[in-house]
Amino acid sequence: MKEDSIYSELSSIRSLMERSSKFISLSGLSGVMAGVYALVGAFSAQRLAQSHGNGLADSGYRYEGVIIAQLIFIAIAVLVLSITTCIILTRRQSIKKGEPFWHPGSKRLLTNLSLPLLTGGIFIIILLLRGEYTMIIPSTLIFYGLALVSGSQYTFSDVRWLGVFEVILGLVSAMFPHLSFISWILGFGILHILYGFIMHFKYKQ
């Protein structure tokens, strides 16, 4: 009985330490919604590209002026919707679990996500200014994947695998530009939806 009590206390201490060092209130449904937004954005971008006599799956990406601005607007809209939904649903998840939304674990998670994402954002802006559109999709996947791998140590370990697959898809699209659009759909759309459902049911959210 005494040993059982000791093991129980050690388990409680370990759980408490994990809660204080990791952010474990990420909402799986926010991942699903991010994937849905990405698919809608990809469909809209493809329709836009086709209306200008080309498709995003075609190599070259010889788009000028207005269409580039519209594609950027679609990408920003998807990003803003995804972040907003993640904050709202994750905050609701935190309240449900009785945990603070902003604590050392979430701060560390945000810090580790920030550097790869900011670096990737600046790098993509440079690519846009140089007119090197072919590498934009691979860059979004690679830097996003690296951010997830970096931040995974402060949240669910499953996030690491999502990041690894994103990086792999990014490298594939860099090697084979004609697969970039499909890779983007798989990475930001399908994988997010699968990941979100897995997280939702695995952790009974």
N, C-alpha and C. Protein backbone atom coordinates (compact mmCIF):
# COMPACT_ATOMS: atom_id res chain seq x y z
N MET A 1 0.83 -1.21 0.00
CA MET A 1 0.00 0.00 0.00
C MET A 1 0.86 1.26 0.00
N LYS A 2 1.97 1.18 0.77
CA LYS A 2 2.84 2.34 0.87
C LYS A 2 3.49 2.63 -0.48
N GLU A 3 3.93 1.52 -1.17
CA GLU A 3 4.55 1.71 -2.48
C GLU A 3 3.55 2.28 -3.49
N ASP A 4 2.32 1.78 -3.41
CA ASP A 4 1.28 2.31 -4.31
C ASP A 4 1.06 3.79 -4.10
N SER A 5 1.11 4.19 -2.82
CA SER A 5 0.92 5.59 -2.48
C SER A 5 2.06 6.45 -3.04
N ILE A 6 3.28 5.90 -2.95
CA ILE A 6 4.45 6.63 -3.46
C ILE A 6 4.35 6.79 -4.97
N TYR A 7 3.99 5.69 -5.66
CA TYR A 7 3.86 5.74 -7.11
C TYR A 7 2.76 6.71 -7.53
N SER A 8 1.69 6.74 -6.76
CA SER A 8 0.59 7.65 -7.05
C SER A 8 1.03 9.10 -6.91
N GLU A 9 1.81 9.38 -5.86
CA GLU A 9 2.30 10.74 -5.64
C GLU A 9 3.28 11.15 -6.75
N LEU A 10 4.17 10.20 -7.13
CA LEU A 10 5.13 10.49 -8.19
C LEU A 10 4.41 10.77 -9.51
N SER A 11 3.35 10.00 -9.77
CA SER A 11 2.57 10.19 -10.98
C SER A 11 1.90 11.56 -10.97
N SER A 12 1.40 11.96 -9.82
CA SER A 12 0.74 13.26 -9.70
C SER A 12 1.74 14.39 -9.91
N ILE A 13 2.94 14.21 -9.34
CA ILE A 13 3.98 15.23 -9.49
C ILE A 13 4.41 15.36 -10.95
N ARG A 14 4.57 14.19 -11.61
CA ARG A 14 4.96 14.21 -13.02
C ARG A 14 3.89 14.88 -13.87
N SER A 15 2.62 14.59 -13.58
CA SER A 15 1.51 15.19 -14.31
C SER A 15 1.49 16.70 -14.10
N LEU A 16 1.74 17.12 -12.87
CA LEU A 16 1.75 18.54 -12.55
C LEU A 16 2.89 19.26 -13.27
N MET A 17 4.07 18.62 -13.30
CA MET A 17 5.22 19.21 -13.99
C MET A 17 4.96 19.32 -15.48
N GLU A 18 4.30 18.29 -16.05
CA GLU A 18 4.00 18.31 -17.47
C GLU A 18 3.02 19.43 -17.80
N ARG A 19 2.02 19.60 -16.95
CA ARG A 19 1.03 20.65 -17.18
C ARG A 19 1.65 22.04 -17.11
N SER A 20 2.67 22.19 -16.24
CA SER A 20 3.28 23.50 -16.08
C SER A 20 4.30 23.80 -17.19
N SER A 21 4.88 22.75 -17.80
CA SER A 21 5.91 22.95 -18.81
C SER A 21 5.39 22.80 -20.23
N LYS A 22 4.21 22.15 -20.39
CA LYS A 22 3.67 21.93 -21.72
C LYS A 22 2.27 22.51 -21.83
N PHE A 23 1.94 22.90 -23.06
CA PHE A 23 0.59 23.41 -23.33
C PHE A 23 -0.20 22.28 -23.96
N ILE A 24 -1.11 21.68 -23.19
CA ILE A 24 -1.82 20.49 -23.65
C ILE A 24 -3.31 20.75 -23.86
N SER A 25 -3.63 21.99 -24.18
CA SER A 25 -5.03 22.33 -24.44
C SER A 25 -5.29 22.67 -25.90
N LEU A 26 -4.33 22.32 -26.78
CA LEU A 26 -4.56 22.57 -28.21
C LEU A 26 -5.81 21.83 -28.67
N SER A 27 -6.64 22.50 -29.41
CA SER A 27 -7.90 21.92 -29.88
C SER A 27 -7.69 21.17 -31.19
N GLY A 28 -8.11 19.90 -31.20
CA GLY A 28 -8.03 19.12 -32.43
C GLY A 28 -8.95 19.67 -33.50
N LEU A 29 -10.10 20.20 -33.10
CA LEU A 29 -11.06 20.74 -34.06
C LEU A 29 -10.50 21.96 -34.79
N SER A 30 -9.60 22.69 -34.13
CA SER A 30 -8.99 23.84 -34.79
C SER A 30 -8.12 23.37 -35.96
N GLY A 31 -7.49 22.19 -35.81
CA GLY A 31 -6.72 21.62 -36.90
C GLY A 31 -7.62 21.23 -38.06
N VAL A 32 -8.78 20.66 -37.74
CA VAL A 32 -9.75 20.29 -38.78
C VAL A 32 -10.20 21.53 -39.54
N MET A 33 -10.55 22.58 -38.82
CA MET A 33 -11.02 23.80 -39.45
C MET A 33 -9.92 24.46 -40.30
N ALA A 34 -8.68 24.41 -39.80
CA ALA A 34 -7.57 24.97 -40.57
C ALA A 34 -7.42 24.23 -41.89
N GLY A 35 -7.59 22.91 -41.85
CA GLY A 35 -7.52 22.12 -43.07
C GLY A 35 -8.64 22.46 -44.04
N VAL A 36 -9.83 22.67 -43.51
CA VAL A 36 -10.98 23.04 -44.35
C VAL A 36 -10.74 24.41 -45.00
N TYR A 37 -10.25 25.37 -44.20
CA TYR A 37 -9.94 26.70 -44.75
C TYR A 37 -8.90 26.59 -45.87
N ALA A 38 -7.89 25.74 -45.64
CA ALA A 38 -6.83 25.57 -46.64
C ALA A 38 -7.38 25.00 -47.94
N LEU A 39 -8.28 24.03 -47.84
CA LEU A 39 -8.86 23.42 -49.03
C LEU A 39 -9.72 24.43 -49.80
N VAL A 40 -10.50 25.21 -49.07
CA VAL A 40 -11.32 26.24 -49.71
C VAL A 40 -10.42 27.29 -50.38
N GLY A 41 -9.35 27.68 -49.67
CA GLY A 41 -8.42 28.65 -50.23
C GLY A 41 -7.72 28.11 -51.47
N ALA A 42 -7.33 26.82 -51.43
CA ALA A 42 -6.66 26.20 -52.58
C ALA A 42 -7.60 26.14 -53.78
N PHE A 43 -8.86 25.78 -53.53
CA PHE A 43 -9.85 25.72 -54.60
C PHE A 43 -10.07 27.11 -55.21
N SER A 44 -10.15 28.13 -54.36
CA SER A 44 -10.34 29.50 -54.83
C SER A 44 -9.13 29.97 -55.65
N ALA A 45 -7.93 29.65 -55.17
CA ALA A 45 -6.71 30.05 -55.87
C ALA A 45 -6.60 29.37 -57.23
N GLN A 46 -6.99 28.09 -57.28
CA GLN A 46 -6.94 27.36 -58.54
C GLN A 46 -7.93 27.95 -59.55
N ARG A 47 -9.13 28.27 -59.07
CA ARG A 47 -10.14 28.88 -59.96
C ARG A 47 -9.63 30.22 -60.48
N LEU A 48 -8.99 30.98 -59.60
CA LEU A 48 -8.45 32.29 -59.99
C LEU A 48 -7.37 32.13 -61.05
N ALA A 49 -6.47 31.15 -60.82
CA ALA A 49 -5.38 30.92 -61.78
C ALA A 49 -5.93 30.47 -63.14
N GLN A 50 -6.92 29.60 -63.10
CA GLN A 50 -7.52 29.11 -64.35
C GLN A 50 -8.23 30.22 -65.11
N SER A 51 -8.79 31.16 -64.38
CA SER A 51 -9.48 32.28 -65.03
C SER A 51 -8.51 33.17 -65.79
N HIS A 52 -7.20 33.05 -65.46
CA HIS A 52 -6.18 33.81 -66.16
C HIS A 52 -5.41 32.93 -67.15
N GLY A 53 -6.04 31.79 -67.51
CA GLY A 53 -5.47 30.95 -68.55
C GLY A 53 -4.35 30.04 -68.10
N ASN A 54 -4.25 29.77 -66.80
CA ASN A 54 -3.20 28.88 -66.29
C ASN A 54 -3.71 28.19 -65.05
N GLY A 55 -2.96 27.24 -64.55
CA GLY A 55 -3.34 26.56 -63.32
C GLY A 55 -2.19 26.55 -62.35
N LEU A 56 -2.48 26.46 -61.05
CA LEU A 56 -1.41 26.47 -60.07
C LEU A 56 -0.54 25.22 -60.16
N ALA A 57 -1.07 24.15 -60.75
CA ALA A 57 -0.29 22.92 -60.89
C ALA A 57 0.70 23.02 -62.04
N ASP A 58 0.54 24.04 -62.91
CA ASP A 58 1.46 24.20 -64.03
C ASP A 58 2.77 24.80 -63.55
N SER A 59 3.85 24.41 -64.20
CA SER A 59 5.16 24.94 -63.79
C SER A 59 5.34 26.34 -64.36
N GLY A 60 6.20 27.10 -63.73
CA GLY A 60 6.53 28.44 -64.22
C GLY A 60 5.95 29.55 -63.39
N TYR A 61 4.68 29.45 -63.01
CA TYR A 61 4.04 30.47 -62.20
C TYR A 61 4.25 31.86 -62.78
N ARG A 62 3.97 32.04 -64.06
CA ARG A 62 4.18 33.34 -64.70
C ARG A 62 2.94 34.22 -64.52
N TYR A 63 2.78 34.71 -63.30
CA TYR A 63 1.63 35.55 -63.00
C TYR A 63 2.13 36.95 -62.69
N GLU A 64 1.33 37.92 -63.04
CA GLU A 64 1.73 39.30 -62.84
C GLU A 64 0.68 40.07 -62.06
N GLY A 65 1.13 41.15 -61.45
CA GLY A 65 0.27 42.16 -60.87
C GLY A 65 -0.92 41.70 -60.06
N VAL A 66 -2.12 41.89 -60.65
CA VAL A 66 -3.38 41.69 -59.94
C VAL A 66 -3.52 40.27 -59.40
N ILE A 67 -3.20 39.25 -60.21
CA ILE A 67 -3.40 37.87 -59.76
C ILE A 67 -2.49 37.52 -58.59
N ILE A 68 -1.27 38.04 -58.59
CA ILE A 68 -0.36 37.80 -57.46
C ILE A 68 -0.94 38.40 -56.19
N ALA A 69 -1.45 39.63 -56.29
CA ALA A 69 -2.05 40.28 -55.13
C ALA A 69 -3.26 39.50 -54.63
N GLN A 70 -4.07 38.96 -55.55
CA GLN A 70 -5.25 38.20 -55.16
C GLN A 70 -4.87 36.88 -54.50
N LEU A 71 -3.84 36.23 -55.02
CA LEU A 71 -3.38 34.98 -54.43
C LEU A 71 -2.83 35.22 -53.01
N ILE A 72 -2.11 36.33 -52.86
CA ILE A 72 -1.59 36.69 -51.53
C ILE A 72 -2.75 36.97 -50.57
N PHE A 73 -3.77 37.65 -51.07
CA PHE A 73 -4.93 37.94 -50.23
C PHE A 73 -5.61 36.65 -49.77
N ILE A 74 -5.75 35.67 -50.66
CA ILE A 74 -6.35 34.38 -50.30
C ILE A 74 -5.52 33.69 -49.23
N ALA A 75 -4.19 33.70 -49.42
CA ALA A 75 -3.29 33.05 -48.45
C ALA A 75 -3.39 33.71 -47.08
N ILE A 76 -3.43 35.05 -47.05
CA ILE A 76 -3.53 35.78 -45.78
C ILE A 76 -4.88 35.50 -45.12
N ALA A 77 -5.96 35.45 -45.91
CA ALA A 77 -7.29 35.16 -45.37
C ALA A 77 -7.32 33.78 -44.71
N VAL A 78 -6.72 32.79 -45.38
CA VAL A 78 -6.65 31.43 -44.81
C VAL A 78 -5.87 31.44 -43.51
N LEU A 79 -4.74 32.16 -43.49
CA LEU A 79 -3.90 32.23 -42.30
C LEU A 79 -4.64 32.89 -41.14
N VAL A 80 -5.28 34.03 -41.40
CA VAL A 80 -6.00 34.76 -40.34
C VAL A 80 -7.15 33.93 -39.78
N LEU A 81 -7.93 33.31 -40.66
CA LEU A 81 -9.04 32.47 -40.22
C LEU A 81 -8.54 31.30 -39.38
N SER A 82 -7.44 30.67 -39.81
CA SER A 82 -6.89 29.52 -39.09
C SER A 82 -6.41 29.92 -37.70
N ILE A 83 -5.67 31.03 -37.62
CA ILE A 83 -5.15 31.48 -36.33
C ILE A 83 -6.28 31.89 -35.39
N THR A 84 -7.25 32.63 -35.92
CA THR A 84 -8.38 33.07 -35.11
C THR A 84 -9.17 31.88 -34.57
N THR A 85 -9.45 30.91 -35.44
CA THR A 85 -10.19 29.72 -35.02
C THR A 85 -9.41 28.94 -33.98
N CYS A 86 -8.10 28.81 -34.19
CA CYS A 86 -7.25 28.08 -33.23
C CYS A 86 -7.29 28.74 -31.86
N ILE A 87 -7.19 30.07 -31.82
CA ILE A 87 -7.21 30.78 -30.54
C ILE A 87 -8.55 30.59 -29.83
N ILE A 88 -9.64 30.75 -30.57
CA ILE A 88 -10.98 30.64 -29.98
C ILE A 88 -11.23 29.23 -29.43
N LEU A 89 -10.98 28.21 -30.26
CA LEU A 89 -11.27 26.83 -29.85
C LEU A 89 -10.31 26.35 -28.77
N THR A 90 -9.04 26.75 -28.86
CA THR A 90 -8.07 26.34 -27.85
C THR A 90 -8.35 27.01 -26.52
N ARG A 91 -8.75 28.28 -26.56
CA ARG A 91 -9.12 28.98 -25.32
C ARG A 91 -10.32 28.29 -24.67
N ARG A 92 -11.30 27.90 -25.50
CA ARG A 92 -12.47 27.19 -24.98
C ARG A 92 -12.06 25.86 -24.38
N GLN A 93 -11.10 25.18 -25.02
CA GLN A 93 -10.59 23.91 -24.50
C GLN A 93 -9.89 24.10 -23.16
N SER A 94 -9.13 25.19 -23.04
CA SER A 94 -8.44 25.50 -21.78
C SER A 94 -9.42 25.73 -20.65
N ILE A 95 -10.48 26.47 -20.94
CA ILE A 95 -11.51 26.76 -19.93
C ILE A 95 -12.19 25.46 -19.50
N LYS A 96 -12.46 24.59 -20.46
CA LYS A 96 -13.11 23.32 -20.16
C LYS A 96 -12.24 22.46 -19.24
N LYS A 97 -10.91 22.52 -19.45
CA LYS A 97 -9.99 21.74 -18.63
C LYS A 97 -9.62 22.44 -17.33
N GLY A 98 -10.05 23.69 -17.19
CA GLY A 98 -9.72 24.44 -15.99
C GLY A 98 -8.27 24.86 -15.93
N GLU A 99 -7.67 25.06 -17.11
CA GLU A 99 -6.27 25.45 -17.20
C GLU A 99 -6.15 26.85 -17.79
N PRO A 100 -5.13 27.61 -17.38
CA PRO A 100 -4.95 28.95 -17.95
C PRO A 100 -4.51 28.85 -19.41
N PHE A 101 -5.03 29.74 -20.23
CA PHE A 101 -4.67 29.76 -21.65
C PHE A 101 -3.25 30.27 -21.85
N TRP A 102 -2.85 31.24 -21.02
CA TRP A 102 -1.52 31.86 -21.14
C TRP A 102 -0.70 31.50 -19.91
N HIS A 103 0.20 30.54 -20.03
CA HIS A 103 1.05 30.14 -18.92
C HIS A 103 2.42 29.77 -19.48
N PRO A 104 3.41 29.40 -18.65
CA PRO A 104 4.77 29.15 -19.15
C PRO A 104 4.83 28.19 -20.33
N GLY A 105 4.00 27.14 -20.34
CA GLY A 105 4.01 26.19 -21.44
C GLY A 105 3.60 26.81 -22.76
N SER A 106 2.52 27.60 -22.75
CA SER A 106 2.06 28.23 -23.99
C SER A 106 3.04 29.31 -24.45
N LYS A 107 3.70 29.98 -23.51
CA LYS A 107 4.69 30.98 -23.88
C LYS A 107 5.88 30.33 -24.58
N ARG A 108 6.34 29.19 -24.03
CA ARG A 108 7.47 28.48 -24.66
C ARG A 108 7.07 27.95 -26.04
N LEU A 109 5.84 27.46 -26.15
CA LEU A 109 5.35 26.96 -27.42
C LEU A 109 5.36 28.08 -28.47
N LEU A 110 4.82 29.24 -28.10
CA LEU A 110 4.77 30.37 -29.03
C LEU A 110 6.17 30.84 -29.41
N THR A 111 7.07 30.87 -28.44
CA THR A 111 8.45 31.30 -28.70
C THR A 111 9.14 30.38 -29.70
N ASN A 112 8.96 29.06 -29.52
CA ASN A 112 9.61 28.11 -30.41
C ASN A 112 8.98 28.07 -31.80
N LEU A 113 7.70 28.41 -31.88
CA LEU A 113 7.05 28.48 -33.19
C LEU A 113 7.46 29.73 -33.95
N SER A 114 7.72 30.80 -33.22
CA SER A 114 7.88 32.12 -33.83
C SER A 114 9.09 32.23 -34.76
N LEU A 115 10.26 31.76 -34.31
CA LEU A 115 11.48 31.96 -35.11
C LEU A 115 11.39 31.32 -36.50
N PRO A 116 11.03 30.02 -36.61
CA PRO A 116 10.91 29.43 -37.96
C PRO A 116 9.83 30.11 -38.80
N LEU A 117 8.70 30.48 -38.17
CA LEU A 117 7.61 31.10 -38.92
C LEU A 117 7.99 32.50 -39.41
N LEU A 118 8.61 33.29 -38.56
CA LEU A 118 9.03 34.64 -38.97
C LEU A 118 10.11 34.57 -40.03
N THR A 119 11.06 33.65 -39.84
CA THR A 119 12.12 33.48 -40.84
C THR A 119 11.53 33.07 -42.18
N GLY A 120 10.60 32.10 -42.13
CA GLY A 120 9.95 31.64 -43.35
C GLY A 120 9.15 32.75 -44.01
N GLY A 121 8.45 33.56 -43.21
CA GLY A 121 7.66 34.67 -43.76
C GLY A 121 8.54 35.67 -44.49
N ILE A 122 9.67 36.03 -43.88
CA ILE A 122 10.60 36.98 -44.51
C ILE A 122 11.20 36.38 -45.78
N PHE A 123 11.53 35.09 -45.71
CA PHE A 123 12.11 34.41 -46.88
C PHE A 123 11.12 34.39 -48.04
N ILE A 124 9.85 34.16 -47.75
CA ILE A 124 8.82 34.13 -48.79
C ILE A 124 8.61 35.52 -49.39
N ILE A 125 8.68 36.56 -48.56
CA ILE A 125 8.58 37.93 -49.08
C ILE A 125 9.73 38.21 -50.05
N ILE A 126 10.92 37.73 -49.70
CA ILE A 126 12.08 37.90 -50.58
C ILE A 126 11.85 37.18 -51.91
N LEU A 127 11.30 35.97 -51.84
CA LEU A 127 10.99 35.23 -53.07
C LEU A 127 9.98 35.98 -53.93
N LEU A 128 8.97 36.57 -53.27
CA LEU A 128 7.96 37.34 -54.01
C LEU A 128 8.60 38.54 -54.69
N LEU A 129 9.46 39.25 -53.98
CA LEU A 129 10.09 40.44 -54.54
C LEU A 129 11.01 40.08 -55.70
N ARG A 130 11.60 38.90 -55.64
CA ARG A 130 12.51 38.45 -56.71
C ARG A 130 11.76 37.76 -57.85
N GLY A 131 10.46 37.55 -57.66
CA GLY A 131 9.68 36.89 -58.71
C GLY A 131 9.94 35.41 -58.83
N GLU A 132 10.48 34.79 -57.78
CA GLU A 132 10.78 33.36 -57.81
C GLU A 132 9.62 32.59 -57.17
N TYR A 133 8.52 32.50 -57.89
CA TYR A 133 7.29 31.97 -57.34
C TYR A 133 7.31 30.44 -57.15
N THR A 134 8.14 29.76 -57.91
CA THR A 134 8.17 28.30 -57.85
C THR A 134 8.52 27.78 -56.47
N MET A 135 9.33 28.52 -55.72
CA MET A 135 9.79 28.04 -54.41
C MET A 135 8.91 28.50 -53.26
N ILE A 136 7.86 29.25 -53.55
CA ILE A 136 7.03 29.77 -52.46
C ILE A 136 6.28 28.66 -51.74
N ILE A 137 5.60 27.78 -52.48
CA ILE A 137 4.85 26.69 -51.85
C ILE A 137 5.77 25.76 -51.06
N PRO A 138 6.91 25.31 -51.65
CA PRO A 138 7.82 24.48 -50.85
C PRO A 138 8.28 25.17 -49.57
N SER A 139 8.53 26.46 -49.66
CA SER A 139 9.02 27.21 -48.49
C SER A 139 7.96 27.27 -47.38
N THR A 140 6.69 27.48 -47.77
CA THR A 140 5.64 27.53 -46.74
C THR A 140 5.54 26.19 -46.00
N LEU A 141 5.64 25.10 -46.74
CA LEU A 141 5.54 23.77 -46.12
C LEU A 141 6.76 23.49 -45.24
N ILE A 142 7.95 23.79 -45.73
CA ILE A 142 9.18 23.47 -45.00
C ILE A 142 9.28 24.28 -43.71
N PHE A 143 9.09 25.60 -43.79
CA PHE A 143 9.24 26.43 -42.60
C PHE A 143 8.12 26.16 -41.59
N TYR A 144 6.92 25.90 -42.08
CA TYR A 144 5.82 25.56 -41.18
C TYR A 144 6.10 24.24 -40.47
N GLY A 145 6.60 23.27 -41.23
CA GLY A 145 6.95 21.98 -40.62
C GLY A 145 8.04 22.11 -39.58
N LEU A 146 9.06 22.91 -39.88
CA LEU A 146 10.15 23.13 -38.91
C LEU A 146 9.63 23.82 -37.64
N ALA A 147 8.68 24.73 -37.81
CA ALA A 147 8.09 25.41 -36.65
C ALA A 147 7.34 24.41 -35.76
N LEU A 148 6.59 23.49 -36.39
CA LEU A 148 5.86 22.48 -35.62
C LEU A 148 6.81 21.55 -34.87
N VAL A 149 7.88 21.13 -35.54
CA VAL A 149 8.86 20.26 -34.89
C VAL A 149 9.52 20.98 -33.72
N SER A 150 9.83 22.25 -33.92
CA SER A 150 10.47 23.05 -32.86
C SER A 150 9.54 23.23 -31.66
N GLY A 151 8.26 23.46 -31.93
CA GLY A 151 7.32 23.72 -30.84
C GLY A 151 6.76 22.47 -30.19
N SER A 152 6.94 21.30 -30.83
CA SER A 152 6.30 20.07 -30.35
C SER A 152 6.76 19.65 -28.96
N GLN A 153 7.95 20.06 -28.56
CA GLN A 153 8.45 19.67 -27.24
C GLN A 153 7.67 20.35 -26.11
N TYR A 154 6.87 21.36 -26.46
CA TYR A 154 6.08 22.06 -25.44
C TYR A 154 4.58 21.84 -25.59
N THR A 155 4.21 20.81 -26.34
CA THR A 155 2.80 20.45 -26.46
C THR A 155 2.71 18.96 -26.76
N PHE A 156 1.62 18.49 -27.38
CA PHE A 156 1.48 17.08 -27.71
C PHE A 156 2.59 16.62 -28.65
N SER A 157 3.15 15.43 -28.38
CA SER A 157 4.24 14.91 -29.22
C SER A 157 3.77 14.64 -30.64
N ASP A 158 2.45 14.44 -30.83
CA ASP A 158 1.91 14.17 -32.17
C ASP A 158 2.20 15.31 -33.13
N VAL A 159 2.35 16.51 -32.60
CA VAL A 159 2.61 17.68 -33.44
C VAL A 159 3.92 17.52 -34.21
N ARG A 160 4.89 16.83 -33.58
CA ARG A 160 6.19 16.62 -34.24
C ARG A 160 6.02 15.87 -35.56
N TRP A 161 5.19 14.83 -35.54
CA TRP A 161 5.01 14.04 -36.75
C TRP A 161 4.31 14.82 -37.85
N LEU A 162 3.37 15.67 -37.46
CA LEU A 162 2.73 16.54 -38.45
C LEU A 162 3.78 17.43 -39.10
N GLY A 163 4.68 17.97 -38.27
CA GLY A 163 5.76 18.82 -38.78
C GLY A 163 6.69 18.08 -39.72
N VAL A 164 7.04 16.85 -39.36
CA VAL A 164 7.94 16.04 -40.20
C VAL A 164 7.32 15.81 -41.58
N PHE A 165 6.04 15.46 -41.60
CA PHE A 165 5.36 15.21 -42.88
C PHE A 165 5.26 16.49 -43.71
N GLU A 166 5.08 17.63 -43.04
CA GLU A 166 5.02 18.91 -43.76
C GLU A 166 6.37 19.19 -44.44
N VAL A 167 7.46 18.96 -43.73
CA VAL A 167 8.79 19.18 -44.29
C VAL A 167 9.03 18.26 -45.48
N ILE A 168 8.65 16.99 -45.34
CA ILE A 168 8.82 16.03 -46.44
C ILE A 168 8.06 16.49 -47.68
N LEU A 169 6.82 16.91 -47.49
CA LEU A 169 6.03 17.40 -48.63
C LEU A 169 6.66 18.64 -49.25
N GLY A 170 7.23 19.50 -48.41
CA GLY A 170 7.91 20.69 -48.91
C GLY A 170 9.12 20.34 -49.77
N LEU A 171 9.89 19.36 -49.33
CA LEU A 171 11.06 18.94 -50.09
C LEU A 171 10.65 18.28 -51.41
N VAL A 172 9.56 17.51 -51.36
CA VAL A 172 9.05 16.87 -52.59
C VAL A 172 8.63 17.93 -53.60
N SER A 173 7.91 18.95 -53.13
CA SER A 173 7.44 20.00 -54.04
C SER A 173 8.60 20.85 -54.55
N ALA A 174 9.68 20.97 -53.77
CA ALA A 174 10.86 21.71 -54.24
C ALA A 174 11.57 20.92 -55.34
N MET A 175 11.60 19.60 -55.19
CA MET A 175 12.25 18.74 -56.19
C MET A 175 11.39 18.61 -57.45
N PHE A 176 10.07 18.54 -57.24
CA PHE A 176 9.15 18.37 -58.37
C PHE A 176 8.11 19.50 -58.35
N PRO A 177 8.43 20.64 -58.92
CA PRO A 177 7.54 21.81 -58.87
C PRO A 177 6.12 21.56 -59.36
N HIS A 178 5.96 20.63 -60.31
CA HIS A 178 4.62 20.36 -60.84
C HIS A 178 3.72 19.69 -59.81
N LEU A 179 4.33 19.21 -58.70
CA LEU A 179 3.55 18.59 -57.62
C LEU A 179 3.30 19.56 -56.46
N SER A 180 3.72 20.80 -56.62
CA SER A 180 3.63 21.77 -55.51
C SER A 180 2.20 22.00 -55.03
N PHE A 181 1.30 22.19 -55.98
CA PHE A 181 -0.09 22.47 -55.61
C PHE A 181 -0.71 21.28 -54.87
N ILE A 182 -0.44 20.08 -55.36
CA ILE A 182 -0.94 18.87 -54.69
C ILE A 182 -0.32 18.73 -53.30
N SER A 183 0.99 19.01 -53.20
CA SER A 183 1.68 18.94 -51.91
C SER A 183 1.09 19.92 -50.91
N TRP A 184 0.75 21.12 -51.40
CA TRP A 184 0.17 22.14 -50.52
C TRP A 184 -1.20 21.69 -50.00
N ILE A 185 -2.01 21.11 -50.90
CA ILE A 185 -3.32 20.60 -50.49
C ILE A 185 -3.17 19.49 -49.46
N LEU A 186 -2.23 18.57 -49.71
CA LEU A 186 -2.01 17.48 -48.77
C LEU A 186 -1.50 18.00 -47.43
N GLY A 187 -0.53 18.93 -47.47
CA GLY A 187 0.09 19.42 -46.24
C GLY A 187 -0.81 20.28 -45.38
N PHE A 188 -1.38 21.30 -45.98
CA PHE A 188 -2.19 22.24 -45.20
C PHE A 188 -3.66 21.86 -45.13
N GLY A 189 -4.11 21.02 -46.06
CA GLY A 189 -5.50 20.61 -46.06
C GLY A 189 -5.73 19.25 -45.43
N ILE A 190 -5.38 18.20 -46.17
CA ILE A 190 -5.68 16.83 -45.75
C ILE A 190 -4.99 16.46 -44.43
N LEU A 191 -3.69 16.73 -44.32
CA LEU A 191 -2.97 16.36 -43.10
C LEU A 191 -3.52 17.08 -41.87
N HIS A 192 -3.89 18.35 -42.03
CA HIS A 192 -4.47 19.08 -40.90
C HIS A 192 -5.79 18.46 -40.45
N ILE A 193 -6.61 18.08 -41.41
CA ILE A 193 -7.90 17.49 -41.07
C ILE A 193 -7.70 16.15 -40.37
N LEU A 194 -6.81 15.30 -40.91
CA LEU A 194 -6.53 14.00 -40.28
C LEU A 194 -5.94 14.19 -38.88
N TYR A 195 -4.97 15.09 -38.76
CA TYR A 195 -4.34 15.38 -37.47
C TYR A 195 -5.38 15.88 -36.46
N GLY A 196 -6.24 16.78 -36.92
CA GLY A 196 -7.26 17.33 -36.02
C GLY A 196 -8.20 16.27 -35.49
N PHE A 197 -8.67 15.38 -36.35
CA PHE A 197 -9.56 14.31 -35.91
C PHE A 197 -8.85 13.34 -34.97
N ILE A 198 -7.60 13.01 -35.29
CA ILE A 198 -6.83 12.11 -34.42
C ILE A 198 -6.66 12.71 -33.04
N MET A 199 -6.29 14.00 -32.99
CA MET A 199 -6.12 14.67 -31.71
C MET A 199 -7.44 14.74 -30.94
N HIS A 200 -8.51 15.04 -31.67
CA HIS A 200 -9.82 15.19 -31.02
C HIS A 200 -10.27 13.89 -30.34
N PHE A 201 -10.10 12.78 -31.02
CA PHE A 201 -10.58 11.50 -30.47
C PHE A 201 -9.53 10.85 -29.55
N LYS A 202 -8.26 11.03 -29.84
CA LYS A 202 -7.20 10.42 -29.02
C LYS A 202 -7.19 11.01 -27.61
N TYR A 203 -7.37 12.34 -27.52
CA TYR A 203 -7.33 13.00 -26.22
C TYR A 203 -8.73 13.36 -25.72
N LYS A 204 -9.75 12.78 -26.38
CA LYS A 204 -11.14 12.91 -25.94
C LYS A 204 -11.52 14.37 -25.68
N GLN A 205 -11.25 15.18 -26.69
CA GLN A 205 -11.56 16.61 -26.55
C GLN A 205 -13.03 16.91 -26.84
